[in-house]
Amino acid sequence: MSNSEIARSVEAILMVVEEPVSELVLAQIIELPTEQVLETLHALSAQYEAENRGFALKQIAGGWRFYSHPDLAPLVEKFVLDGQQAKLTQAALETLAVIAYRQPISRARVSAIRGVNVEAVMKTLVTRGLVEECGVENETGAILYRTTHYFLERIGVNRVEDLPALAPFLPDVDGLDEVIASLTE
């Protein structure tokens, strides 16, 4: 395997890691001696630095990973924060409300309550840190979800129990019978 092939292989793996990966693991995957992979990692790191790239290859926490270049931190921070401040869609708000008031709850139950598939919306809420997995439902084995501390912080309450009561927002049960009767006439 040529040096450029080794470098390409290392880059491809490092593009998909979520945590730093050791040179030993990289060597096992690429099936090369650890020393050769370590040489490649150091060479790539030096190359990226010399080319003044927007990213850096660093050895941190016992492994290697790509990081945005430190001098671009304000730009990256702005991008990340602006993305987090984007408004939630109506579907996301409705799904979040169901989870907040019925937690812990499975995705299937949220879908049943809302009457639509909520898979994509759930991914958005999890990605934004508003909802998290919290266990498994005994009967079905479905993953259960709940709101996070970040959610509580964003809406300004200390505990889920501090959420406003739903009763004032529900239709009057006595008046509901009249509405249903008028619709069926």
N, C-alpha and C. Protein backbone atom coordinates (compact mmCIF):
# COMPACT_ATOMS: atom_id res chain seq x y z
N MET A 1 0.86 -1.18 0.00
CA MET A 1 0.00 0.00 0.00
C MET A 1 0.90 1.24 0.00
N SER A 2 0.62 2.16 -0.92
CA SER A 2 1.43 3.38 -1.02
C SER A 2 1.10 4.33 0.13
N ASN A 3 2.00 5.31 0.31
CA ASN A 3 1.78 6.31 1.37
C ASN A 3 0.49 7.08 1.14
N SER A 4 0.20 7.42 -0.12
CA SER A 4 -1.03 8.16 -0.39
C SER A 4 -2.26 7.30 -0.11
N GLU A 5 -2.19 6.00 -0.38
CA GLU A 5 -3.31 5.10 -0.08
C GLU A 5 -3.52 4.97 1.43
N ILE A 6 -2.42 4.92 2.16
CA ILE A 6 -2.52 4.85 3.63
C ILE A 6 -3.16 6.14 4.14
N ALA A 7 -2.69 7.27 3.64
CA ALA A 7 -3.23 8.57 4.06
C ALA A 7 -4.73 8.65 3.75
N ARG A 8 -5.13 8.23 2.56
CA ARG A 8 -6.55 8.25 2.19
C ARG A 8 -7.36 7.35 3.11
N SER A 9 -6.82 6.18 3.43
CA SER A 9 -7.53 5.25 4.31
C SER A 9 -7.73 5.84 5.70
N VAL A 10 -6.67 6.44 6.23
CA VAL A 10 -6.74 7.07 7.55
C VAL A 10 -7.76 8.21 7.54
N GLU A 11 -7.70 9.05 6.50
CA GLU A 11 -8.64 10.17 6.41
C GLU A 11 -10.08 9.68 6.34
N ALA A 12 -10.33 8.65 5.56
CA ALA A 12 -11.69 8.13 5.41
C ALA A 12 -12.25 7.64 6.75
N ILE A 13 -11.43 6.97 7.52
CA ILE A 13 -11.89 6.47 8.82
C ILE A 13 -12.11 7.63 9.79
N LEU A 14 -11.16 8.56 9.81
CA LEU A 14 -11.26 9.68 10.75
C LEU A 14 -12.43 10.61 10.44
N MET A 15 -12.91 10.58 9.20
CA MET A 15 -14.06 11.43 8.85
C MET A 15 -15.35 10.95 9.52
N VAL A 16 -15.40 9.70 9.93
CA VAL A 16 -16.66 9.17 10.47
C VAL A 16 -16.62 8.89 11.97
N VAL A 17 -15.48 9.10 12.62
CA VAL A 17 -15.41 8.80 14.05
C VAL A 17 -16.06 9.91 14.87
N GLU A 18 -16.68 9.52 15.96
CA GLU A 18 -17.29 10.50 16.87
C GLU A 18 -16.38 10.79 18.04
N GLU A 19 -15.47 9.87 18.32
CA GLU A 19 -14.51 10.04 19.41
C GLU A 19 -13.13 9.75 18.87
N PRO A 20 -12.09 10.28 19.49
CA PRO A 20 -10.73 10.00 19.01
C PRO A 20 -10.47 8.49 18.93
N VAL A 21 -9.77 8.08 17.88
CA VAL A 21 -9.46 6.67 17.67
C VAL A 21 -7.93 6.51 17.69
N SER A 22 -7.48 5.48 18.37
CA SER A 22 -6.03 5.29 18.55
C SER A 22 -5.37 4.81 17.27
N GLU A 23 -4.07 5.05 17.18
CA GLU A 23 -3.31 4.57 16.03
C GLU A 23 -3.31 3.04 15.97
N LEU A 24 -3.40 2.40 17.12
CA LEU A 24 -3.46 0.93 17.17
C LEU A 24 -4.72 0.42 16.48
N VAL A 25 -5.85 1.03 16.77
CA VAL A 25 -7.12 0.63 16.14
C VAL A 25 -7.05 0.91 14.64
N LEU A 26 -6.54 2.08 14.26
CA LEU A 26 -6.40 2.39 12.84
C LEU A 26 -5.52 1.36 12.14
N ALA A 27 -4.41 1.00 12.78
CA ALA A 27 -3.49 0.01 12.19
C ALA A 27 -4.17 -1.34 12.02
N GLN A 28 -4.99 -1.74 13.00
CA GLN A 28 -5.70 -3.01 12.89
C GLN A 28 -6.70 -2.99 11.75
N ILE A 29 -7.40 -1.89 11.59
CA ILE A 29 -8.40 -1.77 10.53
C ILE A 29 -7.74 -1.76 9.15
N ILE A 30 -6.68 -0.97 9.03
CA ILE A 30 -6.00 -0.85 7.73
C ILE A 30 -5.08 -2.04 7.47
N GLU A 31 -4.77 -2.78 8.53
CA GLU A 31 -3.90 -3.96 8.47
C GLU A 31 -2.47 -3.58 8.08
N LEU A 32 -1.93 -2.62 8.84
CA LEU A 32 -0.55 -2.17 8.68
C LEU A 32 0.09 -2.04 10.05
N PRO A 33 1.42 -1.99 10.10
CA PRO A 33 2.10 -1.80 11.39
C PRO A 33 1.72 -0.46 12.02
N THR A 34 1.58 -0.45 13.32
CA THR A 34 1.19 0.75 14.05
C THR A 34 2.15 1.91 13.77
N GLU A 35 3.45 1.61 13.70
CA GLU A 35 4.45 2.66 13.47
C GLU A 35 4.21 3.36 12.13
N GLN A 36 3.83 2.59 11.11
CA GLN A 36 3.58 3.16 9.79
C GLN A 36 2.34 4.07 9.82
N VAL A 37 1.31 3.65 10.53
CA VAL A 37 0.09 4.45 10.64
C VAL A 37 0.39 5.72 11.45
N LEU A 38 1.18 5.59 12.51
CA LEU A 38 1.54 6.74 13.33
C LEU A 38 2.33 7.76 12.52
N GLU A 39 3.25 7.30 11.68
CA GLU A 39 4.01 8.18 10.78
C GLU A 39 3.06 8.95 9.87
N THR A 40 2.09 8.24 9.33
CA THR A 40 1.11 8.85 8.43
C THR A 40 0.29 9.90 9.16
N LEU A 41 -0.14 9.59 10.38
CA LEU A 41 -0.92 10.55 11.17
C LEU A 41 -0.13 11.83 11.42
N HIS A 42 1.13 11.69 11.80
CA HIS A 42 1.97 12.87 12.06
C HIS A 42 2.19 13.67 10.76
N ALA A 43 2.41 12.96 9.66
CA ALA A 43 2.61 13.64 8.38
C ALA A 43 1.36 14.40 7.95
N LEU A 44 0.19 13.77 8.09
CA LEU A 44 -1.06 14.44 7.74
C LEU A 44 -1.29 15.66 8.62
N SER A 45 -1.05 15.52 9.91
CA SER A 45 -1.23 16.64 10.84
C SER A 45 -0.35 17.81 10.44
N ALA A 46 0.91 17.54 10.13
CA ALA A 46 1.84 18.59 9.72
C ALA A 46 1.42 19.21 8.38
N GLN A 47 0.95 18.38 7.47
CA GLN A 47 0.50 18.86 6.15
C GLN A 47 -0.68 19.81 6.30
N TYR A 48 -1.67 19.42 7.09
CA TYR A 48 -2.85 20.27 7.26
C TYR A 48 -2.47 21.60 7.90
N GLU A 49 -1.55 21.57 8.86
CA GLU A 49 -1.11 22.79 9.53
C GLU A 49 -0.35 23.68 8.55
N ALA A 50 0.53 23.08 7.75
CA ALA A 50 1.32 23.84 6.77
C ALA A 50 0.42 24.49 5.72
N GLU A 51 -0.66 23.79 5.36
CA GLU A 51 -1.58 24.31 4.34
C GLU A 51 -2.60 25.28 4.92
N ASN A 52 -2.54 25.49 6.25
CA ASN A 52 -3.45 26.40 6.94
C ASN A 52 -4.91 26.05 6.64
N ARG A 53 -5.24 24.78 6.81
CA ARG A 53 -6.57 24.29 6.52
C ARG A 53 -7.55 24.75 7.60
N GLY A 54 -8.84 24.58 7.35
CA GLY A 54 -9.88 24.96 8.31
C GLY A 54 -10.07 23.92 9.39
N PHE A 55 -9.32 22.85 9.30
CA PHE A 55 -9.39 21.79 10.30
C PHE A 55 -7.98 21.36 10.66
N ALA A 56 -7.88 20.63 11.76
CA ALA A 56 -6.59 20.12 12.21
C ALA A 56 -6.77 18.67 12.63
N LEU A 57 -5.72 17.89 12.48
CA LEU A 57 -5.71 16.51 12.93
C LEU A 57 -4.91 16.50 14.22
N LYS A 58 -5.57 16.13 15.31
CA LYS A 58 -4.92 16.20 16.62
C LYS A 58 -5.01 14.88 17.36
N GLN A 59 -3.99 14.64 18.18
CA GLN A 59 -4.00 13.49 19.07
C GLN A 59 -4.44 13.99 20.45
N ILE A 60 -5.62 13.56 20.84
CA ILE A 60 -6.21 14.00 22.11
C ILE A 60 -6.91 12.81 22.75
N ALA A 61 -6.82 12.69 24.05
CA ALA A 61 -7.51 11.64 24.81
C ALA A 61 -7.17 10.24 24.30
N GLY A 62 -5.89 10.05 23.97
CA GLY A 62 -5.44 8.72 23.57
C GLY A 62 -5.80 8.32 22.16
N GLY A 63 -6.24 9.26 21.34
CA GLY A 63 -6.61 8.92 19.98
C GLY A 63 -6.51 10.11 19.06
N TRP A 64 -6.82 9.89 17.79
CA TRP A 64 -6.73 10.91 16.76
C TRP A 64 -8.11 11.24 16.22
N ARG A 65 -8.28 12.53 15.89
CA ARG A 65 -9.57 12.98 15.37
C ARG A 65 -9.38 14.32 14.68
N PHE A 66 -10.27 14.61 13.73
CA PHE A 66 -10.28 15.93 13.10
C PHE A 66 -11.02 16.91 14.00
N TYR A 67 -10.49 18.13 14.07
CA TYR A 67 -11.11 19.22 14.83
C TYR A 67 -11.10 20.46 13.96
N SER A 68 -12.07 21.34 14.18
CA SER A 68 -12.00 22.61 13.45
C SER A 68 -10.79 23.37 13.97
N HIS A 69 -10.18 24.17 13.09
CA HIS A 69 -8.96 24.89 13.48
C HIS A 69 -9.31 25.89 14.59
N PRO A 70 -8.48 25.96 15.62
CA PRO A 70 -8.78 26.82 16.77
C PRO A 70 -9.03 28.29 16.42
N ASP A 71 -8.34 28.83 15.41
CA ASP A 71 -8.55 30.24 15.09
C ASP A 71 -9.88 30.50 14.40
N LEU A 72 -10.61 29.44 14.04
CA LEU A 72 -11.93 29.59 13.43
C LEU A 72 -13.06 29.31 14.43
N ALA A 73 -12.70 29.18 15.70
CA ALA A 73 -13.69 28.87 16.74
C ALA A 73 -14.87 29.85 16.76
N PRO A 74 -14.65 31.16 16.65
CA PRO A 74 -15.81 32.06 16.66
C PRO A 74 -16.80 31.80 15.52
N LEU A 75 -16.27 31.49 14.35
CA LEU A 75 -17.12 31.21 13.19
C LEU A 75 -17.91 29.91 13.39
N VAL A 76 -17.23 28.89 13.88
CA VAL A 76 -17.88 27.60 14.12
C VAL A 76 -18.93 27.75 15.21
N GLU A 77 -18.60 28.48 16.25
CA GLU A 77 -19.54 28.71 17.35
C GLU A 77 -20.79 29.43 16.85
N LYS A 78 -20.60 30.41 16.00
CA LYS A 78 -21.75 31.14 15.44
C LYS A 78 -22.63 30.20 14.63
N PHE A 79 -22.02 29.35 13.81
CA PHE A 79 -22.77 28.39 13.00
C PHE A 79 -23.57 27.45 13.88
N VAL A 80 -22.93 26.89 14.90
CA VAL A 80 -23.59 25.93 15.78
C VAL A 80 -24.72 26.60 16.56
N LEU A 81 -24.46 27.76 17.12
CA LEU A 81 -25.48 28.44 17.91
C LEU A 81 -26.64 28.91 17.06
N ASP A 82 -26.38 29.44 15.87
CA ASP A 82 -27.46 29.87 14.99
C ASP A 82 -28.34 28.70 14.61
N GLY A 83 -27.73 27.54 14.38
CA GLY A 83 -28.50 26.34 14.06
C GLY A 83 -29.37 25.90 15.21
N GLN A 84 -28.89 26.07 16.44
CA GLN A 84 -29.65 25.67 17.61
C GLN A 84 -30.79 26.64 17.90
N GLN A 85 -30.66 27.87 17.41
CA GLN A 85 -31.69 28.86 17.71
C GLN A 85 -32.78 28.91 16.65
N ALA A 86 -32.63 28.09 15.61
CA ALA A 86 -33.68 28.05 14.59
C ALA A 86 -34.97 27.60 15.25
N LYS A 87 -36.07 28.17 14.81
CA LYS A 87 -37.36 27.86 15.42
C LYS A 87 -37.79 26.44 15.09
N LEU A 88 -38.50 25.84 16.02
CA LEU A 88 -39.05 24.51 15.79
C LEU A 88 -40.30 24.62 14.94
N THR A 89 -40.54 23.61 14.13
CA THR A 89 -41.75 23.58 13.31
C THR A 89 -42.95 23.31 14.21
N GLN A 90 -44.13 23.52 13.67
CA GLN A 90 -45.36 23.23 14.42
C GLN A 90 -45.40 21.75 14.80
N ALA A 91 -45.00 20.89 13.88
CA ALA A 91 -44.99 19.44 14.15
C ALA A 91 -44.03 19.12 15.30
N ALA A 92 -42.87 19.77 15.32
CA ALA A 92 -41.90 19.53 16.39
C ALA A 92 -42.43 20.03 17.74
N LEU A 93 -43.08 21.19 17.73
CA LEU A 93 -43.65 21.72 18.96
C LEU A 93 -44.76 20.81 19.51
N GLU A 94 -45.62 20.32 18.62
CA GLU A 94 -46.69 19.42 19.05
C GLU A 94 -46.12 18.11 19.60
N THR A 95 -45.11 17.57 18.93
CA THR A 95 -44.48 16.33 19.39
C THR A 95 -43.80 16.56 20.74
N LEU A 96 -43.13 17.67 20.88
CA LEU A 96 -42.45 18.00 22.14
C LEU A 96 -43.46 18.14 23.27
N ALA A 97 -44.61 18.73 23.00
CA ALA A 97 -45.65 18.87 24.02
C ALA A 97 -46.17 17.51 24.46
N VAL A 98 -46.39 16.61 23.50
CA VAL A 98 -46.87 15.27 23.84
C VAL A 98 -45.85 14.58 24.74
N ILE A 99 -44.58 14.67 24.38
CA ILE A 99 -43.54 14.03 25.18
C ILE A 99 -43.47 14.66 26.57
N ALA A 100 -43.51 15.98 26.62
CA ALA A 100 -43.39 16.67 27.90
C ALA A 100 -44.50 16.28 28.87
N TYR A 101 -45.72 16.14 28.37
CA TYR A 101 -46.85 15.86 29.26
C TYR A 101 -47.13 14.37 29.45
N ARG A 102 -46.57 13.50 28.63
CA ARG A 102 -46.86 12.07 28.74
C ARG A 102 -45.61 11.24 29.02
N GLN A 103 -44.48 11.86 29.32
CA GLN A 103 -43.22 11.13 29.48
C GLN A 103 -43.21 10.21 30.69
N PRO A 104 -42.45 9.13 30.64
CA PRO A 104 -41.75 8.62 29.46
C PRO A 104 -42.73 8.00 28.49
N ILE A 105 -42.43 8.14 27.20
CA ILE A 105 -43.36 7.70 26.16
C ILE A 105 -42.57 7.18 24.96
N SER A 106 -43.13 6.19 24.29
CA SER A 106 -42.47 5.62 23.11
C SER A 106 -42.82 6.45 21.87
N ARG A 107 -42.01 6.33 20.86
CA ARG A 107 -42.25 7.04 19.60
C ARG A 107 -43.58 6.59 18.99
N ALA A 108 -43.90 5.30 19.10
CA ALA A 108 -45.15 4.78 18.55
C ALA A 108 -46.36 5.42 19.23
N ARG A 109 -46.27 5.60 20.53
CA ARG A 109 -47.39 6.23 21.25
C ARG A 109 -47.53 7.71 20.89
N VAL A 110 -46.40 8.37 20.71
CA VAL A 110 -46.45 9.78 20.28
C VAL A 110 -47.12 9.84 18.90
N SER A 111 -46.73 8.93 18.00
CA SER A 111 -47.34 8.89 16.66
C SER A 111 -48.84 8.64 16.74
N ALA A 112 -49.24 7.73 17.64
CA ALA A 112 -50.67 7.42 17.80
C ALA A 112 -51.44 8.63 18.31
N ILE A 113 -50.89 9.34 19.25
CA ILE A 113 -51.55 10.52 19.81
C ILE A 113 -51.66 11.62 18.76
N ARG A 114 -50.57 11.83 18.01
CA ARG A 114 -50.58 12.90 17.00
C ARG A 114 -51.26 12.48 15.72
N GLY A 115 -51.33 11.17 15.46
CA GLY A 115 -51.97 10.70 14.25
C GLY A 115 -51.10 10.77 13.01
N VAL A 116 -49.81 10.97 13.21
CA VAL A 116 -48.86 11.02 12.09
C VAL A 116 -47.56 10.36 12.52
N ASN A 117 -46.73 9.99 11.55
CA ASN A 117 -45.41 9.44 11.83
C ASN A 117 -44.52 10.56 12.36
N VAL A 118 -43.89 10.32 13.50
CA VAL A 118 -43.07 11.37 14.12
C VAL A 118 -41.58 11.04 14.12
N GLU A 119 -41.16 10.04 13.34
CA GLU A 119 -39.77 9.61 13.37
C GLU A 119 -38.79 10.74 13.06
N ALA A 120 -39.01 11.48 11.98
CA ALA A 120 -38.10 12.56 11.61
C ALA A 120 -38.11 13.68 12.65
N VAL A 121 -39.28 13.99 13.16
CA VAL A 121 -39.40 15.04 14.18
C VAL A 121 -38.67 14.62 15.46
N MET A 122 -38.80 13.36 15.83
CA MET A 122 -38.11 12.86 17.03
C MET A 122 -36.60 12.99 16.87
N LYS A 123 -36.09 12.67 15.68
CA LYS A 123 -34.65 12.80 15.44
C LYS A 123 -34.22 14.25 15.62
N THR A 124 -35.02 15.17 15.12
CA THR A 124 -34.71 16.59 15.28
C THR A 124 -34.67 16.98 16.75
N LEU A 125 -35.65 16.54 17.51
CA LEU A 125 -35.72 16.89 18.94
C LEU A 125 -34.55 16.28 19.71
N VAL A 126 -34.16 15.06 19.37
CA VAL A 126 -33.01 14.42 20.01
C VAL A 126 -31.73 15.16 19.64
N THR A 127 -31.58 15.48 18.35
CA THR A 127 -30.39 16.19 17.87
C THR A 127 -30.24 17.54 18.55
N ARG A 128 -31.34 18.21 18.76
CA ARG A 128 -31.30 19.53 19.41
C ARG A 128 -31.16 19.45 20.93
N GLY A 129 -31.14 18.23 21.46
CA GLY A 129 -30.94 18.06 22.90
C GLY A 129 -32.17 18.33 23.74
N LEU A 130 -33.35 18.36 23.13
CA LEU A 130 -34.58 18.63 23.87
C LEU A 130 -35.21 17.36 24.41
N VAL A 131 -34.92 16.23 23.77
CA VAL A 131 -35.49 14.93 24.12
C VAL A 131 -34.37 13.91 24.16
N GLU A 132 -34.49 12.91 25.04
CA GLU A 132 -33.47 11.86 25.13
C GLU A 132 -34.12 10.52 25.41
N GLU A 133 -33.39 9.47 25.08
CA GLU A 133 -33.85 8.11 25.40
C GLU A 133 -33.72 7.93 26.90
N CYS A 134 -34.68 7.18 27.50
CA CYS A 134 -34.63 7.02 28.95
C CYS A 134 -34.99 5.61 29.41
N GLY A 135 -34.99 4.65 28.51
CA GLY A 135 -35.30 3.30 28.91
C GLY A 135 -36.07 2.56 27.84
N VAL A 136 -36.61 1.41 28.26
CA VAL A 136 -37.34 0.55 27.33
C VAL A 136 -38.68 0.18 27.96
N GLU A 137 -39.73 0.19 27.14
CA GLU A 137 -41.06 -0.19 27.61
C GLU A 137 -41.09 -1.70 27.81
N ASN A 138 -41.53 -2.14 29.00
CA ASN A 138 -41.51 -3.57 29.33
C ASN A 138 -42.34 -4.42 28.37
N GLU A 139 -43.54 -3.99 28.06
CA GLU A 139 -44.45 -4.80 27.25
C GLU A 139 -43.99 -4.95 25.80
N THR A 140 -43.52 -3.88 25.19
CA THR A 140 -43.22 -3.90 23.76
C THR A 140 -41.73 -3.89 23.43
N GLY A 141 -40.91 -3.47 24.37
CA GLY A 141 -39.48 -3.33 24.10
C GLY A 141 -39.14 -2.04 23.37
N ALA A 142 -40.14 -1.15 23.22
CA ALA A 142 -39.93 0.12 22.52
C ALA A 142 -39.09 1.06 23.38
N ILE A 143 -38.29 1.87 22.73
CA ILE A 143 -37.47 2.87 23.43
C ILE A 143 -38.38 3.97 23.94
N LEU A 144 -38.15 4.37 25.19
CA LEU A 144 -38.92 5.45 25.80
C LEU A 144 -38.13 6.75 25.73
N TYR A 145 -38.85 7.85 25.61
CA TYR A 145 -38.24 9.17 25.52
C TYR A 145 -38.79 10.08 26.61
N ARG A 146 -37.95 11.04 26.99
CA ARG A 146 -38.35 12.08 27.96
C ARG A 146 -37.66 13.38 27.56
N THR A 147 -38.12 14.45 28.15
CA THR A 147 -37.49 15.74 27.90
C THR A 147 -36.18 15.80 28.71
N THR A 148 -35.31 16.71 28.31
CA THR A 148 -34.00 16.84 28.95
C THR A 148 -33.96 18.05 29.89
N HIS A 149 -32.86 18.15 30.61
CA HIS A 149 -32.65 19.33 31.46
C HIS A 149 -32.54 20.58 30.59
N TYR A 150 -31.97 20.43 29.40
CA TYR A 150 -31.87 21.55 28.47
C TYR A 150 -33.26 22.07 28.09
N PHE A 151 -34.20 21.15 27.86
CA PHE A 151 -35.58 21.53 27.57
C PHE A 151 -36.16 22.36 28.71
N LEU A 152 -36.00 21.86 29.94
CA LEU A 152 -36.52 22.59 31.11
C LEU A 152 -35.89 23.97 31.21
N GLU A 153 -34.59 24.03 30.95
CA GLU A 153 -33.88 25.31 30.99
C GLU A 153 -34.43 26.27 29.95
N ARG A 154 -34.65 25.77 28.74
CA ARG A 154 -35.13 26.61 27.64
C ARG A 154 -36.53 27.16 27.89
N ILE A 155 -37.40 26.36 28.55
CA ILE A 155 -38.76 26.87 28.79
C ILE A 155 -38.90 27.54 30.14
N GLY A 156 -37.84 27.48 30.96
CA GLY A 156 -37.81 28.23 32.20
C GLY A 156 -38.50 27.60 33.39
N VAL A 157 -38.46 26.27 33.48
CA VAL A 157 -39.00 25.59 34.66
C VAL A 157 -37.93 24.68 35.26
N ASN A 158 -38.10 24.36 36.54
CA ASN A 158 -37.11 23.53 37.23
C ASN A 158 -37.39 22.05 37.07
N ARG A 159 -38.67 21.68 37.02
CA ARG A 159 -39.05 20.26 36.96
C ARG A 159 -40.20 20.11 35.99
N VAL A 160 -40.38 18.89 35.51
CA VAL A 160 -41.51 18.61 34.61
C VAL A 160 -42.82 18.93 35.31
N GLU A 161 -42.89 18.69 36.60
CA GLU A 161 -44.11 18.95 37.37
C GLU A 161 -44.47 20.43 37.38
N ASP A 162 -43.53 21.29 37.04
CA ASP A 162 -43.77 22.73 37.02
C ASP A 162 -44.37 23.21 35.69
N LEU A 163 -44.55 22.29 34.74
CA LEU A 163 -45.18 22.68 33.47
C LEU A 163 -46.60 23.16 33.75
N PRO A 164 -47.09 24.11 32.98
CA PRO A 164 -48.46 24.59 33.22
C PRO A 164 -49.48 23.48 33.00
N ALA A 165 -50.57 23.55 33.72
CA ALA A 165 -51.63 22.56 33.60
C ALA A 165 -52.27 22.65 32.22
N LEU A 166 -52.69 21.52 31.70
CA LEU A 166 -53.32 21.49 30.38
C LEU A 166 -54.81 21.82 30.43
N ALA A 167 -55.45 21.58 31.54
CA ALA A 167 -56.91 21.72 31.65
C ALA A 167 -57.44 23.05 31.11
N PRO A 168 -56.82 24.19 31.40
CA PRO A 168 -57.36 25.45 30.88
C PRO A 168 -57.34 25.54 29.35
N PHE A 169 -56.53 24.72 28.70
CA PHE A 169 -56.42 24.79 27.25
C PHE A 169 -57.29 23.76 26.54
N LEU A 170 -57.92 22.87 27.30
CA LEU A 170 -58.78 21.84 26.71
C LEU A 170 -60.19 22.38 26.55
N PRO A 171 -60.92 21.86 25.56
CA PRO A 171 -62.30 22.34 25.36
C PRO A 171 -63.19 21.93 26.53
N ASP A 172 -64.23 22.71 26.76
CA ASP A 172 -65.20 22.40 27.81
C ASP A 172 -65.93 21.11 27.43
N VAL A 173 -65.89 20.11 28.30
CA VAL A 173 -66.48 18.80 27.99
C VAL A 173 -67.97 18.92 27.75
N ASP A 174 -68.67 19.75 28.53
CA ASP A 174 -70.11 19.91 28.33
C ASP A 174 -70.39 20.52 26.96
N GLY A 175 -69.64 21.52 26.59
CA GLY A 175 -69.82 22.17 25.29
C GLY A 175 -69.38 21.29 24.14
N LEU A 176 -68.50 20.33 24.40
CA LEU A 176 -68.00 19.44 23.36
C LEU A 176 -69.10 18.56 22.79
N ASP A 177 -70.00 18.10 23.64
CA ASP A 177 -71.12 17.27 23.18
C ASP A 177 -72.00 18.05 22.20
N GLU A 178 -72.21 19.33 22.48
CA GLU A 178 -73.03 20.16 21.60
C GLU A 178 -72.34 20.38 20.25
N VAL A 179 -71.03 20.56 20.28
CA VAL A 179 -70.27 20.76 19.04
C VAL A 179 -70.34 19.50 18.19
N ILE A 180 -70.16 18.34 18.81
CA ILE A 180 -70.22 17.06 18.09
C ILE A 180 -71.61 16.86 17.50
N ALA A 181 -72.63 17.16 18.27
CA ALA A 181 -74.01 17.00 17.79
C ALA A 181 -74.27 17.90 16.59
N SER A 182 -73.77 19.12 16.62
CA SER A 182 -74.01 20.04 15.51
C SER A 182 -73.27 19.60 14.25
N LEU A 183 -72.17 18.93 14.41
CA LEU A 183 -71.39 18.46 13.25
C LEU A 183 -72.06 17.24 12.59
N THR A 184 -72.79 16.47 13.35
CA THR A 184 -73.40 15.26 12.81
C THR A 184 -74.76 15.53 12.21
N GLU A 185 -75.32 16.73 12.38
CA GLU A 185 -76.66 17.05 11.85
C GLU A 185 -76.62 17.29 10.37
